[in-house]
């Protein structure tokens, strides 16, 4: 993929997350208590991968790249929770934001360990 296509993919994924957050409810059956936290973790794990890919062309130093990727996802997670606060049928939760940040952080950790 090219540099621009990585940024476009990250942008489209952010739009997808926004669209999901704008729904009054999601068609996912609740199977266990912390399922939504795992879904948040997984969604932001993917966002962390996409952010890393997008930002690696701009920031070559691994620590700066990691910090920027995690920070971007965490800030997006905060705005996502703020957005959900105003969507009828949804609620905002700090633990969801922590799951978002954790998912992005774990993605960046994995990429760093793999040497990408």
Protein backbone atom coordinates (compact mmCIF):
# COMPACT_ATOMS: atom_id res chain seq x y z
CA UNK A 1 0.00 0.00 0.00
CA UNK A 2 1.07 3.54 -0.55
CA UNK A 3 1.37 6.25 2.06
CA UNK A 4 -1.85 7.94 0.98
CA UNK A 5 -3.84 4.71 0.89
CA UNK A 6 -2.77 3.95 4.48
CA UNK A 7 -4.08 7.34 5.61
CA UNK A 8 -7.29 6.82 3.61
CA UNK A 9 -7.80 3.40 5.18
CA UNK A 10 -7.31 4.87 8.68
CA UNK A 11 -9.75 7.67 7.86
CA UNK A 12 -12.37 5.23 6.53
CA UNK A 13 -11.97 3.03 9.60
CA UNK A 14 -12.50 6.06 11.84
CA UNK A 15 -15.66 6.87 9.86
CA UNK A 16 -16.81 3.27 10.34
CA UNK A 17 -16.29 3.54 14.11
CA UNK A 18 -18.20 6.84 14.08
CA UNK A 19 -21.06 5.23 12.15
CA UNK A 20 -21.22 2.32 14.61
CA UNK A 21 -21.25 4.77 17.53
CA UNK A 22 -24.11 6.68 15.95
CA UNK A 23 -26.41 3.64 16.03
CA UNK A 24 -28.91 3.42 18.89
CA UNK A 25 -27.92 -0.22 19.33
CA UNK A 26 -25.72 -2.75 17.58
CA UNK A 27 -26.95 -6.12 16.30
CA UNK A 28 -24.51 -8.08 18.48
CA UNK A 29 -26.02 -10.53 20.96
CA UNK A 30 -24.77 -10.01 24.51
CA UNK A 31 -23.20 -13.36 25.43
CA UNK A 32 -21.22 -12.39 28.54
CA UNK A 33 -20.64 -9.41 30.81
CA UNK A 34 -17.47 -7.80 29.44
CA UNK A 35 -18.16 -8.56 25.79
CA UNK A 36 -18.43 -4.89 24.83
CA UNK A 37 -15.02 -4.17 26.41
CA UNK A 38 -13.47 -6.94 24.31
CA UNK A 39 -15.14 -5.51 21.20
CA UNK A 40 -13.76 -2.06 22.02
CA UNK A 41 -10.31 -3.56 22.60
CA UNK A 42 -10.44 -5.40 19.26
CA UNK A 43 -11.76 -2.44 17.28
CA UNK A 44 -9.05 -0.15 18.60
CA UNK A 45 -6.40 -2.87 18.17
CA UNK A 46 -7.21 -2.63 14.46
CA UNK A 47 -7.14 1.16 14.63
CA UNK A 48 -3.74 0.98 16.35
CA UNK A 49 -2.39 -1.15 13.48
CA UNK A 50 -3.78 1.29 10.92
CA UNK A 51 -2.46 4.32 12.81
CA UNK A 52 1.02 2.76 13.03
CA UNK A 53 1.00 2.05 9.29
CA UNK A 54 -0.15 5.59 8.51
CA UNK A 55 2.25 7.42 10.80
CA UNK A 56 5.36 5.31 10.14
CA UNK A 57 5.95 7.22 6.92
CA UNK A 58 6.12 10.50 8.84
CA UNK A 59 7.80 9.49 12.11
CA UNK A 60 10.79 7.15 11.88
CA UNK A 61 11.75 7.04 15.57
CA UNK A 62 9.93 4.03 17.09
CA UNK A 63 9.14 5.67 20.42
CA UNK A 64 7.61 8.75 18.76
CA UNK A 65 5.70 6.54 16.31
CA UNK A 66 4.35 4.42 19.17
CA UNK A 67 3.36 7.42 21.27
CA UNK A 68 1.66 9.15 18.35
CA UNK A 69 -0.23 6.01 17.28
CA UNK A 70 -1.50 5.27 20.79
CA UNK A 71 -2.31 8.93 21.46
CA UNK A 72 -4.27 9.25 18.21
CA UNK A 73 -6.36 6.17 19.00
CA UNK A 74 -6.87 7.20 22.62
CA UNK A 75 -8.00 10.70 21.65
CA UNK A 76 -10.32 9.24 19.02
CA UNK A 77 -11.68 6.91 21.70
CA UNK A 78 -12.43 9.90 23.95
CA UNK A 79 -14.30 11.64 21.13
CA UNK A 80 -16.12 8.39 20.38
CA UNK A 81 -17.33 8.13 23.97
CA UNK A 82 -18.32 11.80 23.99
CA UNK A 83 -20.26 11.23 20.76
CA UNK A 84 -22.06 8.20 22.23
CA UNK A 85 -23.11 10.28 25.22
CA UNK A 86 -25.42 12.23 22.87
CA UNK A 87 -26.76 9.22 20.93
CA UNK A 88 -30.14 8.02 22.16
CA UNK A 89 -29.91 4.43 23.38
CA UNK A 90 -26.13 4.58 23.91
CA UNK A 91 -24.03 5.51 26.90
CA UNK A 92 -20.57 6.84 27.49
CA UNK A 93 -18.17 4.80 29.63
CA UNK A 94 -14.64 5.54 30.82
CA UNK A 95 -13.92 1.79 30.90
CA UNK A 96 -14.75 1.62 27.18
CA UNK A 97 -12.18 4.35 26.58
CA UNK A 98 -9.61 2.41 28.61
CA UNK A 99 -10.36 -0.67 26.50
CA UNK A 100 -9.90 1.45 23.36
CA UNK A 101 -6.56 2.76 24.54
CA UNK A 102 -5.50 -0.71 25.71
CA UNK A 103 -6.33 -2.24 22.33
CA UNK A 104 -4.32 0.39 20.47
CA UNK A 105 -1.47 0.07 22.95
CA UNK A 106 -1.36 -3.69 22.57
CA UNK A 107 -1.33 -3.38 18.75
CA UNK A 108 1.59 -0.96 18.91
CA UNK A 109 3.39 -3.20 21.40
CA UNK A 110 2.97 -6.21 19.06
CA UNK A 111 4.20 -4.24 16.04
CA UNK A 112 7.18 -2.95 18.01
CA UNK A 113 8.07 -6.48 19.20
CA UNK A 114 7.80 -7.77 15.62
CA UNK A 115 10.21 -5.06 14.52
CA UNK A 116 7.84 -3.35 12.13
